[in-house]
Amino acid sequence: MGDGIFGHNSVGKGSEVSKLSEKYYAERYITARRVFSDEVFRKLAQ
């Protein structure tokens, strides 16, 4: 999503939006990468 905000799924709460600055994620987050190119992602998202 950008600007330190990301969407994710949790077993207890389902889908949610969180901030990387929240204590839990700030202590655990290292890095992330895009797995698909934009073109492939658009095709899969249709």
PDB file of N, CA and C in Angstrom:
ATOM      1  N   MET A   1       0.819  -1.172   0.000  1.00  0.00           N
ATOM      2  CA  MET A   1       0.000   0.000   0.000  1.00  0.00           C
ATOM      3  C   MET A   1       0.869   1.243   0.000  1.00  0.00           C
ATOM      4  N   GLY A   2       1.981   1.178   0.698  1.00  0.00           N
ATOM      5  CA  GLY A   2       2.937   2.274   0.666  1.00  0.00           C
ATOM      6  C   GLY A   2       2.949   3.130   1.915  1.00  0.00           C
ATOM      7  N   ASP A   3       4.004   3.935   2.004  1.00  0.00           N
ATOM      8  CA  ASP A   3       4.193   4.876   3.112  1.00  0.00           C
ATOM      9  C   ASP A   3       4.112   4.209   4.480  1.00  0.00           C
ATOM     10  N   GLY A   4       4.676   3.004   4.582  1.00  0.00           N
ATOM     11  CA  GLY A   4       4.712   2.315   5.873  1.00  0.00           C
ATOM     12  C   GLY A   4       3.420   1.631   6.258  1.00  0.00           C
ATOM     13  N   ILE A   5       2.457   1.580   5.352  1.00  0.00           N
ATOM     14  CA  ILE A   5       1.172   0.924   5.613  1.00  0.00           C
ATOM     15  C   ILE A   5       1.076  -0.296   4.709  1.00  0.00           C
ATOM     16  N   PHE A   6       0.613  -1.415   5.266  1.00  0.00           N
ATOM     17  CA  PHE A   6       0.515  -2.638   4.475  1.00  0.00           C
ATOM     18  C   PHE A   6      -0.700  -3.454   4.892  1.00  0.00           C
ATOM     19  N   GLY A   7      -1.198  -4.247   3.970  1.00  0.00           N
ATOM     20  CA  GLY A   7      -2.317  -5.139   4.248  1.00  0.00           C
ATOM     21  C   GLY A   7      -1.807  -6.543   4.462  1.00  0.00           C
ATOM     22  N   HIS A   8      -2.463  -7.286   5.350  1.00  0.00           N
ATOM     23  CA  HIS A   8      -2.054  -8.666   5.627  1.00  0.00           C
ATOM     24  C   HIS A   8      -3.226  -9.421   6.233  1.00  0.00           C
ATOM     25  N   ASN A   9      -3.056 -10.715   6.331  1.00  0.00           N
ATOM     26  CA  ASN A   9      -4.082 -11.575   6.928  1.00  0.00           C
ATOM     27  C   ASN A   9      -3.568 -12.165   8.224  1.00  0.00           C
ATOM     28  N   SER A  10      -4.457 -12.283   9.199  1.00  0.00           N
ATOM     29  CA  SER A  10      -4.111 -12.952  10.452  1.00  0.00           C
ATOM     30  C   SER A  10      -5.175 -14.001  10.741  1.00  0.00           C
ATOM     31  N   VAL A  11      -4.798 -15.022  11.442  1.00  0.00           N
ATOM     32  CA  VAL A  11      -5.733 -16.101  11.752  1.00  0.00           C
ATOM     33  C   VAL A  11      -6.870 -15.590  12.633  1.00  0.00           C
ATOM     34  N   GLY A  12      -6.557 -14.801  13.628  1.00  0.00           N
ATOM     35  CA  GLY A  12      -7.566 -14.345  14.578  1.00  0.00           C
ATOM     36  C   GLY A  12      -8.424 -13.191  14.101  1.00  0.00           C
ATOM     37  N   LYS A  13      -7.861 -12.297  13.276  1.00  0.00           N
ATOM     38  CA  LYS A  13      -8.574 -11.084  12.898  1.00  0.00           C
ATOM     39  C   LYS A  13      -8.949 -11.022  11.421  1.00  0.00           C
ATOM     40  N   GLY A  14      -8.485 -11.958  10.612  1.00  0.00           N
ATOM     41  CA  GLY A  14      -8.762 -11.901   9.175  1.00  0.00           C
ATOM     42  C   GLY A  14      -7.901 -10.839   8.511  1.00  0.00           C
ATOM     43  N   SER A  15      -8.394 -10.219   7.437  1.00  0.00           N
ATOM     44  CA  SER A  15      -7.649  -9.194   6.711  1.00  0.00           C
ATOM     45  C   SER A  15      -7.647  -7.893   7.491  1.00  0.00           C
ATOM     46  N   GLU A  16      -6.496  -7.238   7.513  1.00  0.00           N
ATOM     47  CA  GLU A  16      -6.392  -5.962   8.204  1.00  0.00           C
ATOM     48  C   GLU A  16      -5.273  -5.119   7.613  1.00  0.00           C
ATOM     49  N   VAL A  17      -5.268  -3.852   7.937  1.00  0.00           N
ATOM     50  CA  VAL A  17      -4.242  -2.908   7.506  1.00  0.00           C
ATOM     51  C   VAL A  17      -3.479  -2.476   8.749  1.00  0.00           C
ATOM     52  N   SER A  18      -2.143  -2.492   8.642  1.00  0.00           N
ATOM     53  CA  SER A  18      -1.305  -2.118   9.787  1.00  0.00           C
ATOM     54  C   SER A  18      -0.210  -1.158   9.335  1.00  0.00           C
ATOM     55  N   LYS A  19       0.464  -0.552  10.317  1.00  0.00           N
ATOM     56  CA  LYS A  19       1.586   0.342  10.054  1.00  0.00           C
ATOM     57  C   LYS A  19       2.874  -0.342  10.471  1.00  0.00           C
ATOM     58  N   LEU A  20       3.924  -0.198   9.667  1.00  0.00           N
ATOM     59  CA  LEU A  20       5.223  -0.773  10.030  1.00  0.00           C
ATOM     60  C   LEU A  20       5.793  -0.120  11.289  1.00  0.00           C
ATOM     61  N   SER A  21       5.304   1.043  11.642  1.00  0.00           N
ATOM     62  CA  SER A  21       5.790   1.736  12.836  1.00  0.00           C
ATOM     63  C   SER A  21       5.198   1.181  14.128  1.00  0.00           C
ATOM     64  N   GLU A  22       4.157   0.327  14.020  1.00  0.00           N
ATOM     65  CA  GLU A  22       3.605  -0.299  15.230  1.00  0.00           C
ATOM     66  C   GLU A  22       4.706  -1.133  15.886  1.00  0.00           C
ATOM     67  N   LYS A  23       4.740  -1.138  17.199  1.00  0.00           N
ATOM     68  CA  LYS A  23       5.812  -1.794  17.955  1.00  0.00           C
ATOM     69  C   LYS A  23       6.071  -3.222  17.481  1.00  0.00           C
ATOM     70  N   TYR A  24       5.037  -4.022  17.292  1.00  0.00           N
ATOM     71  CA  TYR A  24       5.199  -5.426  16.894  1.00  0.00           C
ATOM     72  C   TYR A  24       5.981  -5.536  15.591  1.00  0.00           C
ATOM     73  N   TYR A  25       5.580  -4.770  14.577  1.00  0.00           N
ATOM     74  CA  TYR A  25       6.228  -4.871  13.266  1.00  0.00           C
ATOM     75  C   TYR A  25       7.572  -4.156  13.247  1.00  0.00           C
ATOM     76  N   ALA A  26       7.708  -3.065  13.970  1.00  0.00           N
ATOM     77  CA  ALA A  26       8.979  -2.336  14.023  1.00  0.00           C
ATOM     78  C   ALA A  26      10.091  -3.214  14.588  1.00  0.00           C
ATOM     79  N   GLU A  27       9.758  -4.102  15.506  1.00  0.00           N
ATOM     80  CA  GLU A  27      10.748  -4.995  16.107  1.00  0.00           C
ATOM     81  C   GLU A  27      11.047  -6.210  15.247  1.00  0.00           C
ATOM     82  N   ARG A  28      10.185  -6.558  14.276  1.00  0.00           N
ATOM     83  CA  ARG A  28      10.315  -7.803  13.535  1.00  0.00           C
ATOM     84  C   ARG A  28      10.565  -7.643  12.036  1.00  0.00           C
ATOM     85  N   TYR A  29      10.135  -6.541  11.447  1.00  0.00           N
ATOM     86  CA  TYR A  29      10.228  -6.353   9.995  1.00  0.00           C
ATOM     87  C   TYR A  29      11.672  -6.166   9.571  1.00  0.00           C
ATOM     88  N   ILE A  30      12.070  -6.890   8.535  1.00  0.00           N
ATOM     89  CA  ILE A  30      13.420  -6.733   7.992  1.00  0.00           C
ATOM     90  C   ILE A  30      13.346  -6.169   6.575  1.00  0.00           C
ATOM     91  N   THR A  31      12.654  -6.871   5.684  1.00  0.00           N
ATOM     92  CA  THR A  31      12.526  -6.422   4.299  1.00  0.00           C
ATOM     93  C   THR A  31      11.385  -7.153   3.614  1.00  0.00           C
ATOM     94  N   ALA A  32      10.978  -6.639   2.488  1.00  0.00           N
ATOM     95  CA  ALA A  32       9.953  -7.293   1.673  1.00  0.00           C
ATOM     96  C   ALA A  32      10.283  -7.053   0.207  1.00  0.00           C
ATOM     97  N   ARG A  33       9.798  -7.936  -0.639  1.00  0.00           N
ATOM     98  CA  ARG A  33      10.029  -7.809  -2.072  1.00  0.00           C
ATOM     99  C   ARG A  33       8.776  -8.175  -2.827  1.00  0.00           C
ATOM    100  N   ARG A  34       8.649  -7.613  -4.005  1.00  0.00           N
ATOM    101  CA  ARG A  34       7.541  -7.966  -4.881  1.00  0.00           C
ATOM    102  C   ARG A  34       7.888  -9.293  -5.553  1.00  0.00           C
ATOM    103  N   VAL A  35       6.977 -10.239  -5.494  1.00  0.00           N
ATOM    104  CA  VAL A  35       7.219 -11.562  -6.063  1.00  0.00           C
ATOM    105  C   VAL A  35       6.929 -11.569  -7.560  1.00  0.00           C
ATOM    106  N   PHE A  36       5.881 -10.879  -7.968  1.00  0.00           N
ATOM    107  CA  PHE A  36       5.479 -10.835  -9.371  1.00  0.00           C
ATOM    108  C   PHE A  36       5.796  -9.469  -9.967  1.00  0.00           C
ATOM    109  N   SER A  37       6.031  -9.449 -11.277  1.00  0.00           N
ATOM    110  CA  SER A  37       6.143  -8.162 -11.961  1.00  0.00           C
ATOM    111  C   SER A  37       4.752  -7.525 -11.989  1.00  0.00           C
ATOM    112  N   ASP A  38       4.690  -6.221 -12.254  1.00  0.00           N
ATOM    113  CA  ASP A  38       3.393  -5.534 -12.328  1.00  0.00           C
ATOM    114  C   ASP A  38       2.498  -6.175 -13.378  1.00  0.00           C
ATOM    115  N   GLU A  39       3.072  -6.535 -14.512  1.00  0.00           N
ATOM    116  CA  GLU A  39       2.288  -7.128 -15.600  1.00  0.00           C
ATOM    117  C   GLU A  39       1.675  -8.465 -15.175  1.00  0.00           C
ATOM    118  N   VAL A  40       2.455  -9.327 -14.571  1.00  0.00           N
ATOM    119  CA  VAL A  40       1.953 -10.630 -14.124  1.00  0.00           C
ATOM    120  C   VAL A  40       0.910 -10.443 -13.031  1.00  0.00           C
ATOM    121  N   PHE A  41       1.148  -9.537 -12.111  1.00  0.00           N
ATOM    122  CA  PHE A  41       0.197  -9.293 -11.027  1.00  0.00           C
ATOM    123  C   PHE A  41      -1.153  -8.846 -11.579  1.00  0.00           C
ATOM    124  N   ARG A  42      -1.137  -7.933 -12.549  1.00  0.00           N
ATOM    125  CA  ARG A  42      -2.388  -7.446 -13.139  1.00  0.00           C
ATOM    126  C   ARG A  42      -3.162  -8.594 -13.781  1.00  0.00           C
ATOM    127  N   LYS A  43      -2.472  -9.484 -14.458  1.00  0.00           N
ATOM    128  CA  LYS A  43      -3.139 -10.627 -15.101  1.00  0.00           C
ATOM    129  C   LYS A  43      -3.747 -11.545 -14.052  1.00  0.00           C
ATOM    130  N   LEU A  44      -3.040 -11.805 -12.979  1.00  0.00           N
ATOM    131  CA  LEU A  44      -3.538 -12.682 -11.917  1.00  0.00           C
ATOM    132  C   LEU A  44      -4.700 -12.055 -11.151  1.00  0.00           C
ATOM    133  N   ALA A  45      -4.699 -10.744 -11.041  1.00  0.00           N
ATOM    134  CA  ALA A  45      -5.718 -10.043 -10.266  1.00  0.00           C
ATOM    135  C   ALA A  45      -7.065  -9.939 -11.007  1.00  0.00           C
ATOM    136  N   GLN A  46      -7.086 -10.257 -12.288  1.00  0.00           N
ATOM    137  CA  GLN A  46      -8.326 -10.138 -13.063  1.00  0.00           C
ATOM    138  C   GLN A  46      -9.316 -11.204 -12.707  1.00  0.00           C
TER     139      GLN A  46
END
